[in-house]
mmCIF file of all heavy atoms, coordinates in Angstrom:
data_MODEL
# 
_entry.id   MODEL 
# 
loop_
_atom_site.group_PDB 
_atom_site.id 
_atom_site.type_symbol 
_atom_site.label_atom_id 
_atom_site.label_alt_id 
_atom_site.label_comp_id 
_atom_site.label_asym_id 
_atom_site.label_entity_id 
_atom_site.label_seq_id 
_atom_site.pdbx_PDB_ins_code 
_atom_site.Cartn_x 
_atom_site.Cartn_y 
_atom_site.Cartn_z 
_atom_site.occupancy 
_atom_site.B_iso_or_equiv 
_atom_site.pdbx_formal_charge 
_atom_site.auth_seq_id 
_atom_site.auth_comp_id 
_atom_site.auth_asym_id 
_atom_site.auth_atom_id 
_atom_site.pdbx_PDB_model_num 
ATOM 1   N N   . SER A 1 1  ? 6.282   -7.898 -6.189  1.00 0.00 ? 1  SER A N   1 
ATOM 2   C CA  . SER A 1 1  ? 5.425   -7.179 -5.261  1.00 0.00 ? 1  SER A CA  1 
ATOM 3   C C   . SER A 1 1  ? 5.351   -7.960 -3.958  1.00 0.00 ? 1  SER A C   1 
ATOM 4   O O   . SER A 1 1  ? 5.073   -9.150 -3.959  1.00 0.00 ? 1  SER A O   1 
ATOM 5   C CB  . SER A 1 1  ? 4.024   -7.011 -5.863  1.00 0.00 ? 1  SER A CB  1 
ATOM 6   O OG  . SER A 1 1  ? 3.230   -6.188 -5.040  1.00 0.00 ? 1  SER A OG  1 
ATOM 7   N N   . LYS A 1 2  ? 5.595   -7.284 -2.855  1.00 0.00 ? 2  LYS A N   1 
ATOM 8   C CA  . LYS A 1 2  ? 5.591   -7.903 -1.526  1.00 0.00 ? 2  LYS A CA  1 
ATOM 9   C C   . LYS A 1 2  ? 4.578   -7.153 -0.664  1.00 0.00 ? 2  LYS A C   1 
ATOM 10  O O   . LYS A 1 2  ? 4.656   -5.946 -0.507  1.00 0.00 ? 2  LYS A O   1 
ATOM 11  C CB  . LYS A 1 2  ? 6.997   -7.798 -0.959  1.00 0.00 ? 2  LYS A CB  1 
ATOM 12  C CG  . LYS A 1 2  ? 7.312   -8.085 0.488   1.00 0.00 ? 2  LYS A CG  1 
ATOM 13  C CD  . LYS A 1 2  ? 6.820   -9.073 1.232   1.00 0.00 ? 2  LYS A CD  1 
ATOM 14  C CE  . LYS A 1 2  ? 7.388   -9.364 2.572   1.00 0.00 ? 2  LYS A CE  1 
ATOM 15  N NZ  . LYS A 1 2  ? 6.355   -9.271 3.560   1.00 0.00 ? 2  LYS A NZ  1 
ATOM 16  N N   . THR A 1 3  ? 3.604   -7.891 -0.140  1.00 0.00 ? 3  THR A N   1 
ATOM 17  C CA  . THR A 1 3  ? 2.527   -7.282 0.642   1.00 0.00 ? 3  THR A CA  1 
ATOM 18  C C   . THR A 1 3  ? 2.510   -7.830 2.065   1.00 0.00 ? 3  THR A C   1 
ATOM 19  O O   . THR A 1 3  ? 2.583   -9.036 2.258   1.00 0.00 ? 3  THR A O   1 
ATOM 20  C CB  . THR A 1 3  ? 1.156   -7.569 -0.003  1.00 0.00 ? 3  THR A CB  1 
ATOM 21  O OG1 . THR A 1 3  ? 1.179   -7.120 -1.360  1.00 0.00 ? 3  THR A OG1 1 
ATOM 22  C CG2 . THR A 1 3  ? 0.037   -6.887 0.748   1.00 0.00 ? 3  THR A CG2 1 
ATOM 23  N N   . ASN A 1 4  ? 2.396   -6.935 3.030   1.00 0.00 ? 4  ASN A N   1 
ATOM 24  C CA  . ASN A 1 4  ? 2.151   -7.302 4.417   1.00 0.00 ? 4  ASN A CA  1 
ATOM 25  C C   . ASN A 1 4  ? 0.774   -6.769 4.793   1.00 0.00 ? 4  ASN A C   1 
ATOM 26  O O   . ASN A 1 4  ? 0.537   -5.558 4.747   1.00 0.00 ? 4  ASN A O   1 
ATOM 27  C CB  . ASN A 1 4  ? 3.184   -6.687 5.365   1.00 0.00 ? 4  ASN A CB  1 
ATOM 28  C CG  . ASN A 1 4  ? 4.502   -7.383 5.295   1.00 0.00 ? 4  ASN A CG  1 
ATOM 29  O OD1 . ASN A 1 4  ? 5.263   -7.159 4.364   1.00 0.00 ? 4  ASN A OD1 1 
ATOM 30  N ND2 . ASN A 1 4  ? 4.777   -8.207 6.270   1.00 0.00 ? 4  ASN A ND2 1 
ATOM 31  N N   . PHE A 1 5  ? -0.145  -7.675 5.138   1.00 0.00 ? 5  PHE A N   1 
ATOM 32  C CA  . PHE A 1 5  ? -1.463  -7.273 5.628   1.00 0.00 ? 5  PHE A CA  1 
ATOM 33  C C   . PHE A 1 5  ? -1.379  -7.200 7.148   1.00 0.00 ? 5  PHE A C   1 
ATOM 34  O O   . PHE A 1 5  ? -0.945  -8.143 7.788   1.00 0.00 ? 5  PHE A O   1 
ATOM 35  C CB  . PHE A 1 5  ? -2.526  -8.296 5.221   1.00 0.00 ? 5  PHE A CB  1 
ATOM 36  C CG  . PHE A 1 5  ? -2.703  -8.420 3.739   1.00 0.00 ? 5  PHE A CG  1 
ATOM 37  C CD1 . PHE A 1 5  ? -2.190  -9.508 3.053   1.00 0.00 ? 5  PHE A CD1 1 
ATOM 38  C CD2 . PHE A 1 5  ? -3.372  -7.440 3.021   1.00 0.00 ? 5  PHE A CD2 1 
ATOM 39  C CE1 . PHE A 1 5  ? -2.350  -9.629 1.686   1.00 0.00 ? 5  PHE A CE1 1 
ATOM 40  C CE2 . PHE A 1 5  ? -3.535  -7.547 1.652   1.00 0.00 ? 5  PHE A CE2 1 
ATOM 41  C CZ  . PHE A 1 5  ? -3.022  -8.655 0.981   1.00 0.00 ? 5  PHE A CZ  1 
ATOM 42  N N   . VAL A 1 6  ? -1.814  -6.081 7.722   1.00 0.00 ? 6  VAL A N   1 
ATOM 43  C CA  . VAL A 1 6  ? -1.695  -5.926 9.173   1.00 0.00 ? 6  VAL A CA  1 
ATOM 44  C C   . VAL A 1 6  ? -3.034  -5.839 9.891   1.00 0.00 ? 6  VAL A C   1 
ATOM 45  O O   . VAL A 1 6  ? -3.084  -6.005 11.105  1.00 0.00 ? 6  VAL A O   1 
ATOM 46  C CB  . VAL A 1 6  ? -0.787  -4.728 9.545   1.00 0.00 ? 6  VAL A CB  1 
ATOM 47  C CG1 . VAL A 1 6  ? 0.634   -4.979 9.083   1.00 0.00 ? 6  VAL A CG1 1 
ATOM 48  C CG2 . VAL A 1 6  ? -1.305  -3.428 8.975   1.00 0.00 ? 6  VAL A CG2 1 
ATOM 49  N N   . ARG A 1 7  ? -4.111  -5.575 9.135   1.00 0.00 ? 7  ARG A N   1 
ATOM 50  C CA  . ARG A 1 7  ? -5.438  -5.596 9.749   1.00 0.00 ? 7  ARG A CA  1 
ATOM 51  C C   . ARG A 1 7  ? -6.498  -5.662 8.663   1.00 0.00 ? 7  ARG A C   1 
ATOM 52  O O   . ARG A 1 7  ? -6.242  -5.322 7.519   1.00 0.00 ? 7  ARG A O   1 
ATOM 53  C CB  . ARG A 1 7  ? -5.673  -4.413 10.678  1.00 0.00 ? 7  ARG A CB  1 
ATOM 54  C CG  . ARG A 1 7  ? -5.918  -3.086 10.004  1.00 0.00 ? 7  ARG A CG  1 
ATOM 55  C CD  . ARG A 1 7  ? -6.081  -1.933 11.005  1.00 0.00 ? 7  ARG A CD  1 
ATOM 56  N NE  . ARG A 1 7  ? -7.261  -2.046 11.818  1.00 0.00 ? 7  ARG A NE  1 
ATOM 57  C CZ  . ARG A 1 7  ? -8.429  -1.488 11.533  1.00 0.00 ? 7  ARG A CZ  1 
ATOM 58  N NH1 . ARG A 1 7  ? -8.575  -0.773 10.445  1.00 0.00 ? 7  ARG A NH1 1 
ATOM 59  N NH2 . ARG A 1 7  ? -9.455  -1.623 12.343  1.00 0.00 ? 7  ARG A NH2 1 
ATOM 60  N N   . ALA A 1 8  ? -7.683  -6.098 9.062   1.00 0.00 ? 8  ALA A N   1 
ATOM 61  C CA  . ALA A 1 8  ? -8.795  -6.210 8.121   1.00 0.00 ? 8  ALA A CA  1 
ATOM 62  C C   . ALA A 1 8  ? -9.491  -4.870 7.947   1.00 0.00 ? 8  ALA A C   1 
ATOM 63  O O   . ALA A 1 8  ? -9.486  -4.031 8.847   1.00 0.00 ? 8  ALA A O   1 
ATOM 64  C CB  . ALA A 1 8  ? -9.801  -7.239 8.633   1.00 0.00 ? 8  ALA A CB  1 
ATOM 65  N N   . LEU A 1 9  ? -10.100 -4.687 6.780   1.00 0.00 ? 9  LEU A N   1 
ATOM 66  C CA  . LEU A 1 9  ? -10.923 -3.518 6.517   1.00 0.00 ? 9  LEU A CA  1 
ATOM 67  C C   . LEU A 1 9  ? -12.343 -4.003 6.281   1.00 0.00 ? 9  LEU A C   1 
ATOM 68  O O   . LEU A 1 9  ? -12.584 -4.777 5.355   1.00 0.00 ? 9  LEU A O   1 
ATOM 69  C CB  . LEU A 1 9  ? -10.401 -2.751 5.296   1.00 0.00 ? 9  LEU A CB  1 
ATOM 70  C CG  . LEU A 1 9  ? -11.058 -1.380 5.123   1.00 0.00 ? 9  LEU A CG  1 
ATOM 71  C CD1 . LEU A 1 9  ? -10.020 -0.334 4.817   1.00 0.00 ? 9  LEU A CD1 1 
ATOM 72  C CD2 . LEU A 1 9  ? -12.123 -1.425 4.055   1.00 0.00 ? 9  LEU A CD2 1 
ATOM 73  N N   . ARG A 1 10 ? -13.274 -3.592 7.155   1.00 0.00 ? 10 ARG A N   1 
ATOM 74  C CA  . ARG A 1 10 ? -14.646 -4.097 7.100   1.00 0.00 ? 10 ARG A CA  1 
ATOM 75  C C   . ARG A 1 10 ? -15.689 -3.025 6.790   1.00 0.00 ? 10 ARG A C   1 
ATOM 76  O O   . ARG A 1 10 ? -16.881 -3.303 6.800   1.00 0.00 ? 10 ARG A O   1 
ATOM 77  C CB  . ARG A 1 10 ? -14.992 -4.785 8.420   1.00 0.00 ? 10 ARG A CB  1 
ATOM 78  C CG  . ARG A 1 10 ? -14.211 -6.077 8.614   1.00 0.00 ? 10 ARG A CG  1 
ATOM 79  C CD  . ARG A 1 10 ? -14.682 -6.845 9.840   1.00 0.00 ? 10 ARG A CD  1 
ATOM 80  N NE  . ARG A 1 10 ? -13.979 -8.103 9.936   1.00 0.00 ? 10 ARG A NE  1 
ATOM 81  C CZ  . ARG A 1 10 ? -12.837 -8.278 10.598  1.00 0.00 ? 10 ARG A CZ  1 
ATOM 82  N NH1 . ARG A 1 10 ? -12.276 -7.267 11.224  1.00 0.00 ? 10 ARG A NH1 1 
ATOM 83  N NH2 . ARG A 1 10 ? -12.264 -9.472 10.628  1.00 0.00 ? 10 ARG A NH2 1 
ATOM 84  N N   . SER A 1 11 ? -15.235 -1.803 6.514   1.00 0.00 ? 11 SER A N   1 
ATOM 85  C CA  . SER A 1 11 ? -16.154 -0.721 6.141   1.00 0.00 ? 11 SER A CA  1 
ATOM 86  C C   . SER A 1 11 ? -15.334 0.455  5.628   1.00 0.00 ? 11 SER A C   1 
ATOM 87  O O   . SER A 1 11 ? -14.113 0.491  5.770   1.00 0.00 ? 11 SER A O   1 
ATOM 88  C CB  . SER A 1 11 ? -16.998 -0.282 7.349   1.00 0.00 ? 11 SER A CB  1 
ATOM 89  O OG  . SER A 1 11 ? -16.170 0.280  8.344   1.00 0.00 ? 11 SER A OG  1 
ATOM 90  N N   . GLY A 1 12 ? -16.029 1.405  5.045   1.00 0.00 ? 12 GLY A N   1 
ATOM 91  C CA  . GLY A 1 12 ? -15.364 2.637  4.612   1.00 0.00 ? 12 GLY A CA  1 
ATOM 92  C C   . GLY A 1 12 ? -14.541 2.469  3.348   1.00 0.00 ? 12 GLY A C   1 
ATOM 93  O O   . GLY A 1 12 ? -14.971 1.818  2.401   1.00 0.00 ? 12 GLY A O   1 
ATOM 94  N N   . HIS A 1 13 ? -13.359 3.056  3.377   1.00 0.00 ? 13 HIS A N   1 
ATOM 95  C CA  . HIS A 1 13 ? -12.481 3.062  2.215   1.00 0.00 ? 13 HIS A CA  1 
ATOM 96  C C   . HIS A 1 13 ? -11.086 2.557  2.575   1.00 0.00 ? 13 HIS A C   1 
ATOM 97  O O   . HIS A 1 13 ? -10.629 2.739  3.697   1.00 0.00 ? 13 HIS A O   1 
ATOM 98  C CB  . HIS A 1 13 ? -12.313 4.486  1.671   1.00 0.00 ? 13 HIS A CB  1 
ATOM 99  C CG  . HIS A 1 13 ? -13.558 5.060  1.112   1.00 0.00 ? 13 HIS A CG  1 
ATOM 100 N ND1 . HIS A 1 13 ? -14.464 5.730  1.890   1.00 0.00 ? 13 HIS A ND1 1 
ATOM 101 C CD2 . HIS A 1 13 ? -14.057 5.054  -0.142  1.00 0.00 ? 13 HIS A CD2 1 
ATOM 102 C CE1 . HIS A 1 13 ? -15.473 6.120  1.135   1.00 0.00 ? 13 HIS A CE1 1 
ATOM 103 N NE2 . HIS A 1 13 ? -15.253 5.722  -0.104  1.00 0.00 ? 13 HIS A NE2 1 
ATOM 104 N N   . ALA A 1 14 ? -10.446 1.981  1.589   1.00 0.00 ? 14 ALA A N   1 
ATOM 105 C CA  . ALA A 1 14 ? -9.018  1.674  1.651   1.00 0.00 ? 14 ALA A CA  1 
ATOM 106 C C   . ALA A 1 14 ? -8.333  2.748  0.817   1.00 0.00 ? 14 ALA A C   1 
ATOM 107 O O   . ALA A 1 14 ? -8.634  2.906  -0.365  1.00 0.00 ? 14 ALA A O   1 
ATOM 108 C CB  . ALA A 1 14 ? -8.743  0.297  1.065   1.00 0.00 ? 14 ALA A CB  1 
ATOM 109 N N   . THR A 1 15 ? -7.450  3.517  1.441   1.00 0.00 ? 15 THR A N   1 
ATOM 110 C CA  . THR A 1 15 ? -6.734  4.575  0.729   1.00 0.00 ? 15 THR A CA  1 
ATOM 111 C C   . THR A 1 15 ? -5.280  4.184  0.580   1.00 0.00 ? 15 THR A C   1 
ATOM 112 O O   . THR A 1 15 ? -4.593  3.915  1.566   1.00 0.00 ? 15 THR A O   1 
ATOM 113 C CB  . THR A 1 15 ? -6.853  5.916  1.472   1.00 0.00 ? 15 THR A CB  1 
ATOM 114 O OG1 . THR A 1 15 ? -8.239  6.260  1.566   1.00 0.00 ? 15 THR A OG1 1 
ATOM 115 C CG2 . THR A 1 15 ? -6.103  7.020  0.742   1.00 0.00 ? 15 THR A CG2 1 
ATOM 116 N N   . ALA A 1 16 ? -4.826  4.152  -0.670  1.00 0.00 ? 16 ALA A N   1 
ATOM 117 C CA  . ALA A 1 16 ? -3.445  3.773  -0.992  1.00 0.00 ? 16 ALA A CA  1 
ATOM 118 C C   . ALA A 1 16 ? -2.630  5.029  -1.281  1.00 0.00 ? 16 ALA A C   1 
ATOM 119 O O   . ALA A 1 16 ? -3.073  5.906  -2.024  1.00 0.00 ? 16 ALA A O   1 
ATOM 120 C CB  . ALA A 1 16 ? -3.419  2.853  -2.205  1.00 0.00 ? 16 ALA A CB  1 
ATOM 121 N N   . THR A 1 17 ? -1.438  5.095  -0.685  1.00 0.00 ? 17 THR A N   1 
ATOM 122 C CA  . THR A 1 17 ? -0.500  6.187  -0.940  1.00 0.00 ? 17 THR A CA  1 
ATOM 123 C C   . THR A 1 17 ? 0.811   5.579  -1.388  1.00 0.00 ? 17 THR A C   1 
ATOM 124 O O   . THR A 1 17 ? 1.430   4.800  -0.648  1.00 0.00 ? 17 THR A O   1 
ATOM 125 C CB  . THR A 1 17 ? -0.283  7.033  0.330   1.00 0.00 ? 17 THR A CB  1 
ATOM 126 O OG1 . THR A 1 17 ? -1.543  7.528  0.776   1.00 0.00 ? 17 THR A OG1 1 
ATOM 127 C CG2 . THR A 1 17 ? 0.663   8.195  0.061   1.00 0.00 ? 17 THR A CG2 1 
ATOM 128 N N   . SER A 1 18 ? 1.228   5.900  -2.623  1.00 0.00 ? 18 SER A N   1 
ATOM 129 C CA  . SER A 1 18 ? 2.460   5.355  -3.197  1.00 0.00 ? 18 SER A CA  1 
ATOM 130 C C   . SER A 1 18 ? 3.506   6.449  -3.339  1.00 0.00 ? 18 SER A C   1 
ATOM 131 O O   . SER A 1 18 ? 3.199   7.555  -3.801  1.00 0.00 ? 18 SER A O   1 
ATOM 132 C CB  . SER A 1 18 ? 2.192   4.749  -4.579  1.00 0.00 ? 18 SER A CB  1 
ATOM 133 O OG  . SER A 1 18 ? 1.372   3.629  -4.490  1.00 0.00 ? 18 SER A OG  1 
ATOM 134 N N   . THR A 1 19 ? 4.735   6.112  -2.939  1.00 0.00 ? 19 THR A N   1 
ATOM 135 C CA  . THR A 1 19 ? 5.875   7.024  -3.089  1.00 0.00 ? 19 THR A CA  1 
ATOM 136 C C   . THR A 1 19 ? 7.048   6.251  -3.673  1.00 0.00 ? 19 THR A C   1 
ATOM 137 O O   . THR A 1 19 ? 7.253   5.080  -3.347  1.00 0.00 ? 19 THR A O   1 
ATOM 138 C CB  . THR A 1 19 ? 6.287   7.648  -1.742  1.00 0.00 ? 19 THR A CB  1 
ATOM 139 O OG1 . THR A 1 19 ? 6.578   6.590  -0.815  1.00 0.00 ? 19 THR A OG1 1 
ATOM 140 C CG2 . THR A 1 19 ? 5.197   8.535  -1.170  1.00 0.00 ? 19 THR A CG2 1 
ATOM 141 N N   . PRO A 1 20 ? 7.831   6.901  -4.531  1.00 0.00 ? 20 PRO A N   1 
ATOM 142 C CA  . PRO A 1 20 ? 8.982   6.212  -5.110  1.00 0.00 ? 20 PRO A CA  1 
ATOM 143 C C   . PRO A 1 20 ? 10.120  6.089  -4.101  1.00 0.00 ? 20 PRO A C   1 
ATOM 144 O O   . PRO A 1 20 ? 10.434  7.044  -3.394  1.00 0.00 ? 20 PRO A O   1 
ATOM 145 C CB  . PRO A 1 20 ? 9.378   7.111  -6.284  1.00 0.00 ? 20 PRO A CB  1 
ATOM 146 C CG  . PRO A 1 20 ? 8.885   8.470  -5.906  1.00 0.00 ? 20 PRO A CG  1 
ATOM 147 C CD  . PRO A 1 20 ? 7.661   8.249  -5.048  1.00 0.00 ? 20 PRO A CD  1 
ATOM 148 N N   . LEU A 1 21 ? 10.710  4.892  -4.029  1.00 0.00 ? 21 LEU A N   1 
ATOM 149 C CA  . LEU A 1 21 ? 11.893  4.683  -3.194  1.00 0.00 ? 21 LEU A CA  1 
ATOM 150 C C   . LEU A 1 21 ? 13.165  4.758  -4.026  1.00 0.00 ? 21 LEU A C   1 
ATOM 151 O O   . LEU A 1 21 ? 14.221  5.162  -3.538  1.00 0.00 ? 21 LEU A O   1 
ATOM 152 C CB  . LEU A 1 21 ? 11.829  3.315  -2.511  1.00 0.00 ? 21 LEU A CB  1 
ATOM 153 C CG  . LEU A 1 21 ? 10.732  3.103  -1.486  1.00 0.00 ? 21 LEU A CG  1 
ATOM 154 C CD1 . LEU A 1 21 ? 10.790  1.682  -0.936  1.00 0.00 ? 21 LEU A CD1 1 
ATOM 155 C CD2 . LEU A 1 21 ? 10.855  4.114  -0.357  1.00 0.00 ? 21 LEU A CD2 1 
ATOM 156 N N   . HIS A 1 22 ? 13.070  4.329  -5.295  1.00 0.00 ? 22 HIS A N   1 
ATOM 157 C CA  . HIS A 1 22 ? 14.221  4.329  -6.212  1.00 0.00 ? 22 HIS A CA  1 
ATOM 158 C C   . HIS A 1 22 ? 13.699  4.526  -7.627  1.00 0.00 ? 22 HIS A C   1 
ATOM 159 O O   . HIS A 1 22 ? 12.780  3.821  -8.050  1.00 0.00 ? 22 HIS A O   1 
ATOM 160 C CB  . HIS A 1 22 ? 14.978  2.998  -6.115  1.00 0.00 ? 22 HIS A CB  1 
ATOM 161 C CG  . HIS A 1 22 ? 16.013  2.826  -7.182  1.00 0.00 ? 22 HIS A CG  1 
ATOM 162 N ND1 . HIS A 1 22 ? 17.213  3.491  -7.167  1.00 0.00 ? 22 HIS A ND1 1 
ATOM 163 C CD2 . HIS A 1 22 ? 16.005  2.077  -8.318  1.00 0.00 ? 22 HIS A CD2 1 
ATOM 164 C CE1 . HIS A 1 22 ? 17.917  3.146  -8.243  1.00 0.00 ? 22 HIS A CE1 1 
ATOM 165 N NE2 . HIS A 1 22 ? 17.201  2.292  -8.957  1.00 0.00 ? 22 HIS A NE2 1 
ATOM 166 N N   . THR A 1 23 ? 14.257  5.479  -8.341  1.00 0.00 ? 23 THR A N   1 
ATOM 167 C CA  . THR A 1 23 ? 13.859  5.723  -9.727  1.00 0.00 ? 23 THR A CA  1 
ATOM 168 C C   . THR A 1 23 ? 15.091  5.628  -10.610 1.00 0.00 ? 23 THR A C   1 
ATOM 169 O O   . THR A 1 23 ? 15.759  6.625  -10.875 1.00 0.00 ? 23 THR A O   1 
ATOM 170 C CB  . THR A 1 23 ? 13.166  7.089  -9.892  1.00 0.00 ? 23 THR A CB  1 
ATOM 171 O OG1 . THR A 1 23 ? 14.029  8.117  -9.391  1.00 0.00 ? 23 THR A OG1 1 
ATOM 172 C CG2 . THR A 1 23 ? 11.850  7.132  -9.142  1.00 0.00 ? 23 THR A CG2 1 
ATOM 173 N N   . GLY A 1 24 ? 15.394  4.423  -11.050 1.00 0.00 ? 24 GLY A N   1 
ATOM 174 C CA  . GLY A 1 24 ? 16.576  4.186  -11.868 1.00 0.00 ? 24 GLY A CA  1 
ATOM 175 C C   . GLY A 1 24 ? 16.247  4.060  -13.341 1.00 0.00 ? 24 GLY A C   1 
ATOM 176 O O   . GLY A 1 24 ? 15.104  4.209  -13.762 1.00 0.00 ? 24 GLY A O   1 
ATOM 177 N N   . ARG A 1 25 ? 17.272  3.741  -14.134 1.00 0.00 ? 25 ARG A N   1 
ATOM 178 C CA  . ARG A 1 25 ? 17.096  3.586  -15.579 1.00 0.00 ? 25 ARG A CA  1 
ATOM 179 C C   . ARG A 1 25 ? 16.419  2.276  -15.939 1.00 0.00 ? 25 ARG A C   1 
ATOM 180 O O   . ARG A 1 25 ? 15.735  2.176  -16.947 1.00 0.00 ? 25 ARG A O   1 
ATOM 181 C CB  . ARG A 1 25 ? 18.446  3.668  -16.291 1.00 0.00 ? 25 ARG A CB  1 
ATOM 182 C CG  . ARG A 1 25 ? 19.045  5.069  -16.258 1.00 0.00 ? 25 ARG A CG  1 
ATOM 183 C CD  . ARG A 1 25 ? 20.405  5.103  -16.902 1.00 0.00 ? 25 ARG A CD  1 
ATOM 184 N NE  . ARG A 1 25 ? 21.311  4.355  -16.022 1.00 0.00 ? 25 ARG A NE  1 
ATOM 185 C CZ  . ARG A 1 25 ? 22.358  3.671  -16.425 1.00 0.00 ? 25 ARG A CZ  1 
ATOM 186 N NH1 . ARG A 1 25 ? 22.658  3.602  -17.703 1.00 0.00 ? 25 ARG A NH1 1 
ATOM 187 N NH2 . ARG A 1 25 ? 23.122  3.030  -15.564 1.00 0.00 ? 25 ARG A NH2 1 
# 
């Protein structure tokens, strides 16, 4: 897992959206 943080979240919600890039065997 590789994460790049680009800004802080100081209120509200963090919404994550995941999409497949490769679906192999």
